[in-house]
N, C-alpha and C. Protein backbone atom coordinates (compact mmCIF):
# COMPACT_ATOMS: atom_id res chain seq x y z
N MET A 1 0.85 -1.17 0.00
CA MET A 1 0.00 0.00 0.00
C MET A 1 0.89 1.23 0.00
N THR A 2 0.56 2.18 -0.82
CA THR A 2 1.33 3.42 -0.88
C THR A 2 0.58 4.52 -0.15
N SER A 3 1.28 5.55 0.26
CA SER A 3 0.64 6.60 1.05
C SER A 3 -0.42 7.37 0.28
N ASP A 4 -0.28 7.46 -1.03
CA ASP A 4 -1.30 8.17 -1.82
C ASP A 4 -2.26 7.22 -2.53
N ARG A 5 -2.15 5.92 -2.22
CA ARG A 5 -3.03 4.87 -2.74
C ARG A 5 -2.93 4.65 -4.25
N LEU A 6 -1.88 5.13 -4.86
CA LEU A 6 -1.65 4.91 -6.29
C LEU A 6 -0.57 3.85 -6.46
N PRO A 7 -0.73 2.95 -7.43
CA PRO A 7 0.30 1.94 -7.67
C PRO A 7 1.58 2.58 -8.19
N ARG A 8 2.65 1.84 -8.10
CA ARG A 8 3.92 2.26 -8.66
C ARG A 8 4.41 1.15 -9.59
N ALA A 9 4.97 1.53 -10.72
CA ALA A 9 5.50 0.56 -11.67
C ALA A 9 6.67 1.20 -12.39
N GLY A 10 7.66 0.40 -12.67
CA GLY A 10 8.83 0.93 -13.38
C GLY A 10 9.96 -0.07 -13.42
N GLU A 11 11.15 0.46 -13.53
CA GLU A 11 12.36 -0.36 -13.62
C GLU A 11 13.46 0.33 -12.83
N ARG A 12 14.19 -0.45 -12.07
CA ARG A 12 15.33 0.09 -11.32
C ARG A 12 16.44 -0.94 -11.36
N GLU A 13 17.58 -0.51 -11.86
CA GLU A 13 18.78 -1.35 -11.94
C GLU A 13 18.48 -2.70 -12.60
N GLY A 14 17.68 -2.69 -13.66
CA GLY A 14 17.39 -3.90 -14.41
C GLY A 14 16.26 -4.75 -13.87
N VAL A 15 15.64 -4.33 -12.76
CA VAL A 15 14.53 -5.07 -12.17
C VAL A 15 13.24 -4.30 -12.44
N PHE A 16 12.29 -4.97 -13.08
CA PHE A 16 10.99 -4.35 -13.36
C PHE A 16 10.06 -4.66 -12.21
N TYR A 17 9.22 -3.69 -11.85
CA TYR A 17 8.31 -3.88 -10.71
C TYR A 17 6.96 -3.23 -11.00
N ALA A 18 5.94 -3.75 -10.34
CA ALA A 18 4.61 -3.18 -10.32
C ALA A 18 4.03 -3.58 -8.97
N LEU A 19 3.70 -2.60 -8.13
CA LEU A 19 3.29 -2.90 -6.76
C LEU A 19 2.45 -1.77 -6.18
N GLY A 20 1.98 -1.98 -4.96
CA GLY A 20 1.25 -0.94 -4.23
C GLY A 20 -0.18 -0.75 -4.70
N TYR A 21 -0.92 -1.84 -4.85
CA TYR A 21 -2.27 -1.75 -5.41
C TYR A 21 -3.31 -1.26 -4.41
N SER A 22 -2.98 -1.17 -3.13
CA SER A 22 -3.83 -0.56 -2.11
C SER A 22 -5.26 -1.09 -2.08
N GLY A 23 -5.41 -2.40 -2.08
CA GLY A 23 -6.73 -2.99 -1.98
C GLY A 23 -7.39 -3.29 -3.32
N HIS A 24 -6.77 -2.93 -4.40
CA HIS A 24 -7.31 -3.20 -5.73
C HIS A 24 -6.38 -4.17 -6.48
N GLY A 25 -5.78 -5.08 -5.76
CA GLY A 25 -4.72 -5.91 -6.30
C GLY A 25 -5.10 -6.87 -7.39
N THR A 26 -6.24 -7.54 -7.27
CA THR A 26 -6.59 -8.56 -8.24
C THR A 26 -6.73 -7.98 -9.64
N GLN A 27 -7.55 -6.96 -9.76
CA GLN A 27 -7.77 -6.38 -11.08
C GLN A 27 -6.54 -5.63 -11.58
N MET A 28 -5.98 -4.81 -10.75
CA MET A 28 -4.87 -3.95 -11.17
C MET A 28 -3.60 -4.76 -11.44
N SER A 29 -3.36 -5.82 -10.68
CA SER A 29 -2.13 -6.59 -10.89
C SER A 29 -2.13 -7.29 -12.25
N VAL A 30 -3.28 -7.78 -12.67
CA VAL A 30 -3.36 -8.41 -13.99
C VAL A 30 -3.13 -7.37 -15.08
N HIS A 31 -3.78 -6.23 -14.94
CA HIS A 31 -3.62 -5.15 -15.91
C HIS A 31 -2.17 -4.66 -15.98
N MET A 32 -1.57 -4.42 -14.80
CA MET A 32 -0.20 -3.91 -14.78
C MET A 32 0.80 -4.97 -15.23
N GLY A 33 0.49 -6.24 -15.05
CA GLY A 33 1.34 -7.30 -15.60
C GLY A 33 1.41 -7.21 -17.11
N GLN A 34 0.26 -6.96 -17.73
CA GLN A 34 0.22 -6.80 -19.19
C GLN A 34 0.96 -5.54 -19.62
N ILE A 35 0.76 -4.46 -18.88
CA ILE A 35 1.44 -3.19 -19.20
C ILE A 35 2.95 -3.36 -19.08
N MET A 36 3.41 -3.98 -17.98
CA MET A 36 4.85 -4.11 -17.78
C MET A 36 5.47 -5.08 -18.79
N ALA A 37 4.70 -6.05 -19.28
CA ALA A 37 5.20 -6.92 -20.35
C ALA A 37 5.45 -6.09 -21.61
N ARG A 38 4.55 -5.16 -21.88
CA ARG A 38 4.75 -4.27 -23.03
C ARG A 38 5.99 -3.39 -22.81
N VAL A 39 6.16 -2.88 -21.59
CA VAL A 39 7.32 -2.04 -21.27
C VAL A 39 8.60 -2.85 -21.47
N MET A 40 8.61 -4.07 -20.97
CA MET A 40 9.79 -4.93 -21.10
C MET A 40 10.07 -5.28 -22.56
N GLY A 41 9.03 -5.25 -23.38
CA GLY A 41 9.19 -5.51 -24.80
C GLY A 41 9.65 -4.30 -25.59
N GLY A 42 9.87 -3.18 -24.90
CA GLY A 42 10.41 -1.99 -25.56
C GLY A 42 9.43 -0.84 -25.70
N GLU A 43 8.17 -1.04 -25.32
CA GLU A 43 7.16 0.00 -25.42
C GLU A 43 7.18 0.84 -24.13
N VAL A 44 8.20 1.64 -23.97
CA VAL A 44 8.47 2.36 -22.71
C VAL A 44 7.32 3.28 -22.30
N ASN A 45 6.64 3.87 -23.23
CA ASN A 45 5.57 4.82 -22.91
C ASN A 45 4.26 4.15 -22.49
N ALA A 46 4.21 2.83 -22.45
CA ALA A 46 2.98 2.12 -22.08
C ALA A 46 2.67 2.24 -20.59
N ASN A 47 3.67 2.54 -19.77
CA ASN A 47 3.50 2.60 -18.32
C ASN A 47 2.89 3.94 -17.89
N PRO A 48 1.63 3.95 -17.44
CA PRO A 48 1.01 5.21 -17.02
C PRO A 48 1.56 5.73 -15.69
N PHE A 49 2.28 4.88 -14.94
CA PHE A 49 2.81 5.29 -13.64
C PHE A 49 4.31 5.59 -13.67
N ALA A 50 4.89 5.65 -14.84
CA ALA A 50 6.33 5.93 -14.96
C ALA A 50 6.64 7.31 -14.40
N GLY A 51 7.66 7.37 -13.59
CA GLY A 51 8.12 8.65 -13.05
C GLY A 51 7.28 9.22 -11.93
N LEU A 52 6.30 8.47 -11.44
CA LEU A 52 5.46 8.95 -10.34
C LEU A 52 6.30 9.01 -9.07
N ALA A 53 6.22 10.13 -8.37
CA ALA A 53 7.01 10.31 -7.14
C ALA A 53 6.54 9.34 -6.05
N TRP A 54 7.42 9.03 -5.11
CA TRP A 54 7.11 8.16 -3.98
C TRP A 54 7.00 9.02 -2.73
N PRO A 55 5.81 9.54 -2.40
CA PRO A 55 5.69 10.37 -1.20
C PRO A 55 5.94 9.55 0.07
N ALA A 56 6.51 10.19 1.04
CA ALA A 56 6.83 9.51 2.30
C ALA A 56 5.56 9.20 3.08
N VAL A 57 5.60 8.13 3.85
CA VAL A 57 4.50 7.79 4.74
C VAL A 57 4.60 8.73 5.94
N PRO A 58 3.51 9.43 6.29
CA PRO A 58 3.57 10.37 7.41
C PRO A 58 4.04 9.69 8.70
N GLY A 59 4.95 10.33 9.39
CA GLY A 59 5.47 9.81 10.65
C GLY A 59 6.58 8.79 10.50
N HIS A 60 6.93 8.42 9.28
CA HIS A 60 7.98 7.42 9.10
C HIS A 60 9.21 8.09 8.48
N PHE A 61 10.36 7.77 9.00
CA PHE A 61 11.61 8.28 8.45
C PHE A 61 12.69 7.24 8.68
N GLY A 62 13.68 7.24 7.82
CA GLY A 62 14.80 6.31 7.96
C GLY A 62 14.44 4.89 7.56
N PRO A 63 15.38 3.97 7.77
CA PRO A 63 15.12 2.56 7.42
C PRO A 63 14.07 1.95 8.36
N PRO A 64 13.36 0.93 7.91
CA PRO A 64 12.30 0.32 8.73
C PRO A 64 12.87 -0.57 9.84
N TRP A 65 13.42 0.03 10.88
CA TRP A 65 14.05 -0.70 11.97
C TRP A 65 13.07 -1.57 12.74
N PHE A 66 11.78 -1.26 12.65
CA PHE A 66 10.76 -1.95 13.44
C PHE A 66 10.29 -3.26 12.81
N LEU A 67 10.61 -3.52 11.53
CA LEU A 67 10.09 -4.71 10.87
C LEU A 67 10.52 -6.03 11.51
N PRO A 68 11.76 -6.19 11.98
CA PRO A 68 12.09 -7.46 12.66
C PRO A 68 11.20 -7.71 13.89
N PHE A 69 10.83 -6.65 14.60
CA PHE A 69 9.96 -6.81 15.76
C PHE A 69 8.55 -7.21 15.35
N VAL A 70 8.07 -6.65 14.27
CA VAL A 70 6.75 -7.02 13.75
C VAL A 70 6.76 -8.48 13.32
N GLY A 71 7.81 -8.89 12.62
CA GLY A 71 7.94 -10.29 12.21
C GLY A 71 7.97 -11.23 13.40
N ALA A 72 8.71 -10.86 14.43
CA ALA A 72 8.81 -11.69 15.64
C ALA A 72 7.45 -11.81 16.32
N TYR A 73 6.71 -10.72 16.36
CA TYR A 73 5.38 -10.75 16.96
C TYR A 73 4.48 -11.74 16.22
N TYR A 74 4.46 -11.69 14.91
CA TYR A 74 3.59 -12.59 14.14
C TYR A 74 4.08 -14.04 14.18
N ARG A 75 5.39 -14.25 14.25
CA ARG A 75 5.89 -15.62 14.43
C ARG A 75 5.41 -16.18 15.77
N TYR A 76 5.43 -15.34 16.81
CA TYR A 76 4.94 -15.75 18.11
C TYR A 76 3.44 -16.08 18.04
N GLN A 77 2.68 -15.24 17.36
CA GLN A 77 1.25 -15.48 17.22
C GLN A 77 0.98 -16.80 16.49
N ASP A 78 1.75 -17.09 15.45
CA ASP A 78 1.60 -18.35 14.72
C ASP A 78 1.93 -19.53 15.61
N TRP A 79 3.00 -19.42 16.38
CA TRP A 79 3.41 -20.50 17.27
C TRP A 79 2.36 -20.75 18.34
N ARG A 80 1.80 -19.68 18.88
CA ARG A 80 0.84 -19.76 19.97
C ARG A 80 -0.48 -20.43 19.54
N HIS A 81 -0.85 -20.27 18.29
CA HIS A 81 -2.12 -20.85 17.82
C HIS A 81 -1.82 -22.09 17.10
């Protein structure tokens, strides 16, 4: 999920991506898969989300130091049930 609820798609260092569907994943992921296949085939202008800025999540800064703790919490929950 992105802070502005818009998907992001593009290429970085040779890796193509399409993500951040914000609750509209099933429909949008299929569509963006087709779009990114066209982009990978050389149709660079096919991506409607190319160059879209990545706004920061309010209240978050720096690397996600808290993620290992979140993972540990859910591992504990899985073990407990």
